[in-house]
Amino acid sequence: MSDTPETFTPEKSTPDGFTPLFRSSPFTDLIGPLYNMQTASGLILGLRIEEKHCNARGLMHGGVFSSLADIALGYNAAFSSEPPTPMVTASLTIDYAGSARLGDWIEVETDVQKVGRSMAFANCYFRVDGERVARASAVFNVLAAKA
């Protein structure tokens, strides 16, 4: 394996089943393009790592991991009910067990533990080529419905 980061090429495709993220915001547009795939267990988030996502070593920056975790965890927790439950992040913890490089496809799969009246809890796992490279967990404050 070379120490030189792989050059990103647009020919790298998005894996089958992934489509552009169903929802956008100025921030998701900035860090994207983000992709999603709906499965029986929830929404899987995907990203092809570009130069803008990398640190000086050609590895995906920890801040991008954190951003993807917040999006994946929040969307899965909020959209686990109909209508979606409004919530905001109260705590986000991430552990890095590996890395992701320029050109890699990274997927974030989420497990929602509980969405209650005042709090929600969820975990997610980051995978590159099927290998776990990070995990994150979050606690959300559920917002009261406006009268």
N, C-alpha and C. Protein backbone atom coordinates (compact mmCIF):
# COMPACT_ATOMS: atom_id res chain seq x y z
N MET A 1 0.85 -1.17 0.00
CA MET A 1 0.00 0.00 0.00
C MET A 1 0.89 1.24 0.00
N SER A 2 0.56 2.19 -0.83
CA SER A 2 1.34 3.41 -0.96
C SER A 2 0.95 4.43 0.10
N ASP A 3 1.92 5.27 0.49
CA ASP A 3 1.61 6.35 1.43
C ASP A 3 0.99 7.54 0.72
N THR A 4 1.04 7.55 -0.60
CA THR A 4 0.48 8.64 -1.38
C THR A 4 -1.02 8.44 -1.52
N PRO A 5 -1.82 9.47 -1.20
CA PRO A 5 -3.27 9.31 -1.31
C PRO A 5 -3.68 9.07 -2.77
N GLU A 6 -4.70 8.27 -2.93
CA GLU A 6 -5.25 8.00 -4.26
C GLU A 6 -5.82 9.30 -4.83
N THR A 7 -5.63 9.50 -6.12
CA THR A 7 -6.19 10.67 -6.77
C THR A 7 -7.68 10.46 -6.98
N PHE A 8 -8.46 11.45 -6.63
CA PHE A 8 -9.91 11.35 -6.81
C PHE A 8 -10.24 11.50 -8.29
N THR A 9 -11.06 10.62 -8.79
CA THR A 9 -11.51 10.73 -10.17
C THR A 9 -13.02 10.64 -10.21
N PRO A 10 -13.65 11.48 -11.06
CA PRO A 10 -15.11 11.47 -11.11
C PRO A 10 -15.69 10.18 -11.66
N GLU A 11 -14.86 9.33 -12.28
CA GLU A 11 -15.36 8.07 -12.82
C GLU A 11 -15.81 7.11 -11.72
N LYS A 12 -15.33 7.34 -10.50
CA LYS A 12 -15.74 6.46 -9.41
C LYS A 12 -17.24 6.61 -9.22
N SER A 13 -17.93 5.52 -9.28
CA SER A 13 -19.38 5.59 -9.25
C SER A 13 -19.93 5.53 -7.83
N THR A 14 -21.17 5.90 -7.75
CA THR A 14 -21.92 5.76 -6.51
C THR A 14 -22.46 4.33 -6.51
N PRO A 15 -22.31 3.59 -5.42
CA PRO A 15 -22.81 2.21 -5.38
C PRO A 15 -24.31 2.11 -5.67
N ASP A 16 -24.70 0.98 -6.23
CA ASP A 16 -26.11 0.73 -6.54
C ASP A 16 -26.98 0.93 -5.31
N GLY A 17 -28.14 1.53 -5.53
CA GLY A 17 -29.10 1.74 -4.46
C GLY A 17 -29.01 3.10 -3.80
N PHE A 18 -27.90 3.81 -4.00
CA PHE A 18 -27.73 5.13 -3.40
C PHE A 18 -28.22 6.21 -4.36
N THR A 19 -28.95 7.18 -3.81
CA THR A 19 -29.44 8.33 -4.56
C THR A 19 -29.05 9.59 -3.80
N PRO A 20 -29.09 10.76 -4.46
CA PRO A 20 -28.77 12.00 -3.74
C PRO A 20 -29.63 12.13 -2.48
N LEU A 21 -29.02 12.68 -1.43
CA LEU A 21 -29.71 12.83 -0.15
C LEU A 21 -31.07 13.47 -0.35
N PHE A 22 -32.09 12.89 0.26
CA PHE A 22 -33.48 13.31 0.07
C PHE A 22 -33.78 14.70 0.59
N ARG A 23 -32.88 15.25 1.38
CA ARG A 23 -33.11 16.55 2.02
C ARG A 23 -31.80 17.33 1.95
N SER A 24 -31.90 18.63 1.73
CA SER A 24 -30.67 19.42 1.66
C SER A 24 -30.77 20.65 2.56
N SER A 25 -29.61 21.20 2.82
CA SER A 25 -29.49 22.45 3.58
C SER A 25 -28.22 23.11 3.07
N PRO A 26 -28.01 24.37 3.38
CA PRO A 26 -26.74 24.99 2.95
C PRO A 26 -25.52 24.21 3.44
N PHE A 27 -25.59 23.63 4.65
CA PHE A 27 -24.44 22.89 5.17
C PHE A 27 -24.25 21.56 4.45
N THR A 28 -25.33 20.79 4.25
CA THR A 28 -25.17 19.50 3.56
C THR A 28 -24.73 19.72 2.12
N ASP A 29 -25.17 20.80 1.50
CA ASP A 29 -24.71 21.12 0.14
C ASP A 29 -23.21 21.42 0.15
N LEU A 30 -22.74 22.09 1.20
CA LEU A 30 -21.33 22.44 1.30
C LEU A 30 -20.44 21.21 1.46
N ILE A 31 -20.84 20.27 2.30
CA ILE A 31 -19.98 19.11 2.53
C ILE A 31 -20.25 17.96 1.56
N GLY A 32 -21.33 18.04 0.81
CA GLY A 32 -21.71 16.97 -0.11
C GLY A 32 -20.84 16.91 -1.35
N PRO A 33 -21.29 16.14 -2.32
CA PRO A 33 -22.63 15.55 -2.38
C PRO A 33 -22.77 14.34 -1.47
N LEU A 34 -23.90 14.33 -0.75
CA LEU A 34 -24.25 13.23 0.13
C LEU A 34 -25.30 12.36 -0.55
N TYR A 35 -25.25 11.07 -0.24
CA TYR A 35 -26.18 10.12 -0.83
C TYR A 35 -26.85 9.34 0.28
N ASN A 36 -27.99 8.73 -0.05
CA ASN A 36 -28.68 7.89 0.92
C ASN A 36 -29.28 6.68 0.23
N MET A 37 -29.50 5.67 1.05
CA MET A 37 -30.20 4.46 0.61
C MET A 37 -31.11 4.05 1.75
N GLN A 38 -32.39 3.89 1.44
CA GLN A 38 -33.36 3.47 2.45
C GLN A 38 -33.35 1.95 2.53
N THR A 39 -33.22 1.42 3.74
CA THR A 39 -33.28 -0.02 3.96
C THR A 39 -34.33 -0.30 5.02
N ALA A 40 -34.59 -1.56 5.26
CA ALA A 40 -35.56 -1.94 6.29
C ALA A 40 -35.13 -1.45 7.67
N SER A 41 -33.81 -1.33 7.88
CA SER A 41 -33.32 -0.89 9.19
C SER A 41 -33.10 0.61 9.29
N GLY A 42 -33.34 1.34 8.21
CA GLY A 42 -33.20 2.79 8.25
C GLY A 42 -32.44 3.34 7.07
N LEU A 43 -32.03 4.57 7.22
CA LEU A 43 -31.35 5.31 6.17
C LEU A 43 -29.84 5.12 6.30
N ILE A 44 -29.19 4.71 5.21
CA ILE A 44 -27.73 4.63 5.18
C ILE A 44 -27.24 5.84 4.42
N LEU A 45 -26.31 6.57 5.00
CA LEU A 45 -25.73 7.75 4.38
C LEU A 45 -24.45 7.34 3.67
N GLY A 46 -24.17 7.94 2.51
CA GLY A 46 -22.95 7.63 1.77
C GLY A 46 -22.27 8.88 1.26
N LEU A 47 -20.94 8.79 1.12
CA LEU A 47 -20.14 9.92 0.64
C LEU A 47 -18.90 9.39 -0.08
N ARG A 48 -18.61 9.92 -1.26
CA ARG A 48 -17.34 9.67 -1.93
C ARG A 48 -16.39 10.76 -1.46
N ILE A 49 -15.28 10.39 -0.86
CA ILE A 49 -14.38 11.35 -0.23
C ILE A 49 -13.59 12.11 -1.28
N GLU A 50 -13.77 13.43 -1.26
CA GLU A 50 -13.09 14.35 -2.17
C GLU A 50 -12.01 15.12 -1.41
N GLU A 51 -11.20 15.87 -2.15
CA GLU A 51 -10.14 16.65 -1.52
C GLU A 51 -10.66 17.58 -0.43
N LYS A 52 -11.84 18.17 -0.66
CA LYS A 52 -12.39 19.11 0.32
C LYS A 52 -12.73 18.45 1.65
N HIS A 53 -12.81 17.11 1.67
CA HIS A 53 -13.14 16.38 2.90
C HIS A 53 -11.89 15.94 3.67
N CYS A 54 -10.70 16.21 3.10
CA CYS A 54 -9.47 15.63 3.63
C CYS A 54 -8.59 16.62 4.39
N ASN A 55 -7.78 16.06 5.28
CA ASN A 55 -6.75 16.84 5.95
C ASN A 55 -5.48 16.81 5.08
N ALA A 56 -4.39 17.34 5.58
CA ALA A 56 -3.16 17.43 4.81
C ALA A 56 -2.57 16.05 4.49
N ARG A 57 -2.99 15.01 5.20
CA ARG A 57 -2.48 13.66 4.96
C ARG A 57 -3.29 12.87 3.94
N GLY A 58 -4.34 13.51 3.40
CA GLY A 58 -5.19 12.82 2.44
C GLY A 58 -6.21 11.90 3.09
N LEU A 59 -6.42 12.07 4.39
CA LEU A 59 -7.41 11.29 5.12
C LEU A 59 -8.64 12.14 5.39
N MET A 60 -9.81 11.50 5.46
CA MET A 60 -11.01 12.26 5.77
C MET A 60 -10.86 12.92 7.14
N HIS A 61 -11.12 14.20 7.18
CA HIS A 61 -10.98 15.00 8.41
C HIS A 61 -11.98 14.54 9.46
N GLY A 62 -11.57 14.54 10.71
CA GLY A 62 -12.44 14.15 11.82
C GLY A 62 -13.70 14.98 11.89
N GLY A 63 -13.63 16.24 11.48
CA GLY A 63 -14.81 17.09 11.48
C GLY A 63 -15.85 16.63 10.48
N VAL A 64 -15.41 16.03 9.38
CA VAL A 64 -16.36 15.49 8.39
C VAL A 64 -17.03 14.25 8.97
N PHE A 65 -16.24 13.40 9.66
CA PHE A 65 -16.84 12.25 10.35
C PHE A 65 -17.93 12.73 11.30
N SER A 66 -17.62 13.74 12.10
CA SER A 66 -18.59 14.26 13.08
C SER A 66 -19.83 14.82 12.41
N SER A 67 -19.63 15.54 11.33
CA SER A 67 -20.78 16.11 10.60
C SER A 67 -21.66 15.01 10.04
N LEU A 68 -21.04 14.00 9.41
CA LEU A 68 -21.82 12.89 8.86
C LEU A 68 -22.55 12.14 9.96
N ALA A 69 -21.90 11.96 11.11
CA ALA A 69 -22.55 11.28 12.23
C ALA A 69 -23.78 12.06 12.68
N ASP A 70 -23.63 13.36 12.84
CA ASP A 70 -24.75 14.19 13.31
C ASP A 70 -25.92 14.11 12.33
N ILE A 71 -25.63 14.15 11.04
CA ILE A 71 -26.69 14.08 10.02
C ILE A 71 -27.34 12.70 10.04
N ALA A 72 -26.53 11.64 9.98
CA ALA A 72 -27.09 10.28 9.93
C ALA A 72 -27.89 9.95 11.19
N LEU A 73 -27.33 10.26 12.35
CA LEU A 73 -28.01 9.97 13.61
C LEU A 73 -29.29 10.78 13.74
N GLY A 74 -29.20 12.07 13.45
CA GLY A 74 -30.38 12.94 13.57
C GLY A 74 -31.48 12.59 12.61
N TYR A 75 -31.15 12.35 11.34
CA TYR A 75 -32.18 12.00 10.35
C TYR A 75 -32.84 10.67 10.72
N ASN A 76 -32.04 9.68 11.08
CA ASN A 76 -32.63 8.38 11.41
C ASN A 76 -33.51 8.45 12.65
N ALA A 77 -33.08 9.18 13.67
CA ALA A 77 -33.90 9.30 14.88
C ALA A 77 -35.18 10.10 14.58
N ALA A 78 -35.04 11.22 13.90
CA ALA A 78 -36.20 12.07 13.63
C ALA A 78 -37.22 11.38 12.72
N PHE A 79 -36.73 10.69 11.68
CA PHE A 79 -37.63 10.09 10.71
C PHE A 79 -38.03 8.65 11.06
N SER A 80 -37.75 8.25 12.31
CA SER A 80 -38.17 6.91 12.74
C SER A 80 -39.65 6.90 13.11
N SER A 81 -40.27 8.07 13.11
CA SER A 81 -41.71 8.15 13.39
C SER A 81 -42.38 9.00 12.32
N GLU A 82 -43.69 8.88 12.24
CA GLU A 82 -44.46 9.66 11.29
C GLU A 82 -45.54 10.39 12.07
N PRO A 83 -45.62 11.70 12.06
CA PRO A 83 -44.68 12.59 11.38
C PRO A 83 -43.31 12.57 12.07
N PRO A 84 -42.28 13.08 11.39
CA PRO A 84 -40.95 13.11 11.98
C PRO A 84 -40.94 13.87 13.31
N THR A 85 -40.10 13.42 14.22
CA THR A 85 -39.96 14.03 15.54
C THR A 85 -38.92 15.13 15.49
N PRO A 86 -39.29 16.37 15.81
CA PRO A 86 -38.28 17.44 15.81
C PRO A 86 -37.35 17.29 17.00
N MET A 87 -36.04 17.42 16.74
CA MET A 87 -35.06 17.26 17.82
C MET A 87 -33.78 18.01 17.47
N VAL A 88 -32.97 18.25 18.49
CA VAL A 88 -31.67 18.89 18.32
C VAL A 88 -30.62 18.06 19.07
N THR A 89 -29.40 18.09 18.58
CA THR A 89 -28.32 17.33 19.19
C THR A 89 -27.94 17.91 20.55
N ALA A 90 -27.90 17.03 21.56
CA ALA A 90 -27.47 17.44 22.90
C ALA A 90 -26.05 16.96 23.16
N SER A 91 -25.70 15.81 22.61
CA SER A 91 -24.37 15.23 22.82
C SER A 91 -24.01 14.36 21.63
N LEU A 92 -22.76 14.44 21.20
CA LEU A 92 -22.27 13.61 20.10
C LEU A 92 -20.88 13.12 20.48
N THR A 93 -20.69 11.82 20.46
CA THR A 93 -19.41 11.21 20.79
C THR A 93 -18.97 10.35 19.61
N ILE A 94 -17.69 10.43 19.26
CA ILE A 94 -17.19 9.63 18.14
C ILE A 94 -15.87 8.98 18.53
N ASP A 95 -15.70 7.74 18.08
CA ASP A 95 -14.46 6.99 18.30
C ASP A 95 -13.94 6.56 16.93
N TYR A 96 -12.66 6.80 16.72
CA TYR A 96 -12.02 6.46 15.45
C TYR A 96 -11.22 5.18 15.61
N ALA A 97 -11.51 4.19 14.77
CA ALA A 97 -10.81 2.91 14.83
C ALA A 97 -10.01 2.67 13.55
N GLY A 98 -10.09 3.60 12.62
CA GLY A 98 -9.41 3.47 11.34
C GLY A 98 -9.46 4.80 10.63
N SER A 99 -9.33 4.76 9.31
CA SER A 99 -9.35 6.00 8.55
C SER A 99 -10.02 5.77 7.21
N ALA A 100 -10.32 6.85 6.54
CA ALA A 100 -10.88 6.84 5.20
C ALA A 100 -10.04 7.80 4.37
N ARG A 101 -9.76 7.41 3.13
CA ARG A 101 -8.84 8.17 2.27
C ARG A 101 -9.57 8.82 1.09
N LEU A 102 -8.90 9.77 0.52
CA LEU A 102 -9.36 10.41 -0.70
C LEU A 102 -9.77 9.34 -1.71
N GLY A 103 -10.98 9.48 -2.24
CA GLY A 103 -11.49 8.54 -3.24
C GLY A 103 -12.30 7.40 -2.66
N ASP A 104 -12.18 7.14 -1.35
CA ASP A 104 -12.95 6.06 -0.73
C ASP A 104 -14.44 6.38 -0.73
N TRP A 105 -15.25 5.35 -0.74
CA TRP A 105 -16.68 5.47 -0.51
C TRP A 105 -16.92 5.09 0.94
N ILE A 106 -17.56 5.97 1.70
CA ILE A 106 -17.83 5.70 3.10
C ILE A 106 -19.33 5.64 3.31
N GLU A 107 -19.76 4.67 4.12
CA GLU A 107 -21.17 4.51 4.44
C GLU A 107 -21.37 4.63 5.94
N VAL A 108 -22.50 5.22 6.32
CA VAL A 108 -22.83 5.40 7.73
C VAL A 108 -24.18 4.74 7.98
N GLU A 109 -24.16 3.69 8.79
CA GLU A 109 -25.38 2.96 9.12
C GLU A 109 -25.74 3.22 10.58
N THR A 110 -27.01 3.48 10.83
CA THR A 110 -27.47 3.93 12.15
C THR A 110 -28.40 2.93 12.81
N ASP A 111 -28.30 2.87 14.12
CA ASP A 111 -29.18 2.06 14.96
C ASP A 111 -29.82 3.01 15.97
N VAL A 112 -31.11 3.26 15.81
CA VAL A 112 -31.83 4.13 16.75
C VAL A 112 -32.24 3.29 17.95
N GLN A 113 -31.77 3.69 19.12
CA GLN A 113 -32.06 2.94 20.34
C GLN A 113 -33.45 3.27 20.88
N LYS A 114 -33.75 4.57 20.96
CA LYS A 114 -35.04 4.98 21.53
C LYS A 114 -35.31 6.44 21.17
N VAL A 115 -36.55 6.71 20.84
CA VAL A 115 -37.02 8.09 20.69
C VAL A 115 -38.16 8.24 21.69
N GLY A 116 -37.90 8.99 22.75
CA GLY A 116 -38.89 9.19 23.80
C GLY A 116 -39.54 10.56 23.69
N ARG A 117 -40.27 10.94 24.75
CA ARG A 117 -40.95 12.24 24.74
C ARG A 117 -39.98 13.40 24.87
N SER A 118 -38.86 13.20 25.56
CA SER A 118 -37.95 14.32 25.78
C SER A 118 -36.53 14.07 25.27
N MET A 119 -36.16 12.80 25.06
CA MET A 119 -34.81 12.48 24.61
C MET A 119 -34.84 11.34 23.59
N ALA A 120 -33.79 11.31 22.74
CA ALA A 120 -33.62 10.22 21.78
C ALA A 120 -32.17 9.79 21.81
N PHE A 121 -31.94 8.51 21.51
CA PHE A 121 -30.60 7.93 21.57
C PHE A 121 -30.35 7.10 20.32
N ALA A 122 -29.14 7.25 19.74
CA ALA A 122 -28.82 6.48 18.54
C ALA A 122 -27.30 6.28 18.43
N ASN A 123 -26.92 5.23 17.70
CA ASN A 123 -25.52 4.91 17.42
C ASN A 123 -25.36 4.75 15.92
N CYS A 124 -24.16 5.01 15.41
CA CYS A 124 -23.91 4.76 14.01
C CYS A 124 -22.50 4.21 13.82
N TYR A 125 -22.30 3.56 12.68
CA TYR A 125 -21.03 2.94 12.35
C TYR A 125 -20.62 3.36 10.94
N PHE A 126 -19.37 3.73 10.80
CA PHE A 126 -18.80 4.15 9.52
C PHE A 126 -18.05 2.96 8.92
N ARG A 127 -18.30 2.67 7.64
CA ARG A 127 -17.61 1.56 6.98
C ARG A 127 -16.99 2.02 5.66
N VAL A 128 -15.78 1.55 5.42
CA VAL A 128 -15.10 1.71 4.14
C VAL A 128 -14.74 0.30 3.68
N ASP A 129 -15.20 -0.09 2.49
CA ASP A 129 -14.97 -1.44 1.97
C ASP A 129 -15.37 -2.51 2.99
N GLY A 130 -16.50 -2.29 3.69
CA GLY A 130 -17.01 -3.25 4.63
C GLY A 130 -16.33 -3.25 5.99
N GLU A 131 -15.27 -2.48 6.15
CA GLU A 131 -14.53 -2.43 7.42
C GLU A 131 -14.98 -1.23 8.24
N ARG A 132 -15.25 -1.46 9.52
CA ARG A 132 -15.61 -0.36 10.41
C ARG A 132 -14.39 0.51 10.67
N VAL A 133 -14.56 1.83 10.47
CA VAL A 133 -13.46 2.76 10.72
C VAL A 133 -13.78 3.75 11.83
N ALA A 134 -15.05 3.85 12.21
CA ALA A 134 -15.43 4.75 13.30
C ALA A 134 -16.84 4.38 13.76
N ARG A 135 -17.14 4.83 14.97
CA ARG A 135 -18.49 4.69 15.50
C ARG A 135 -18.82 5.99 16.21
N ALA A 136 -20.11 6.28 16.29
CA ALA A 136 -20.54 7.50 16.98
C ALA A 136 -21.85 7.22 17.69
N SER A 137 -22.10 7.99 18.72
CA SER A 137 -23.38 7.91 19.42
C SER A 137 -23.83 9.33 19.74
N ALA A 138 -25.14 9.49 19.82
CA ALA A 138 -25.69 10.81 20.09
C ALA A 138 -26.90 10.71 20.99
N VAL A 139 -27.10 11.79 21.71
CA VAL A 139 -28.31 12.01 22.50
C VAL A 139 -28.94 13.28 21.93
N PHE A 140 -30.24 13.25 21.74
CA PHE A 140 -30.96 14.39 21.20
C PHE A 140 -32.02 14.84 22.19
N ASN A 141 -32.25 16.15 22.24
CA ASN A 141 -33.39 16.70 22.97
C ASN A 141 -34.55 16.77 22.00
N VAL A 142 -35.64 16.13 22.36
CA VAL A 142 -36.84 16.18 21.53
C VAL A 142 -37.53 17.50 21.82
N LEU A 143 -37.86 18.21 20.76
CA LEU A 143 -38.48 19.53 20.90
C LEU A 143 -39.99 19.39 21.08
N ALA A 144 -40.53 20.19 21.94
CA ALA A 144 -41.98 20.17 22.18
C ALA A 144 -42.68 20.70 20.93
N ALA A 145 -43.81 20.06 20.61
CA ALA A 145 -44.60 20.51 19.46
C ALA A 145 -45.15 21.89 19.73
N LYS A 146 -45.13 22.73 18.70
CA LYS A 146 -45.68 24.09 18.85
C LYS A 146 -47.20 24.03 18.87
N ALA A 147 -47.76 24.79 19.77
CA ALA A 147 -49.22 24.80 19.90
C ALA A 147 -49.87 25.59 18.80
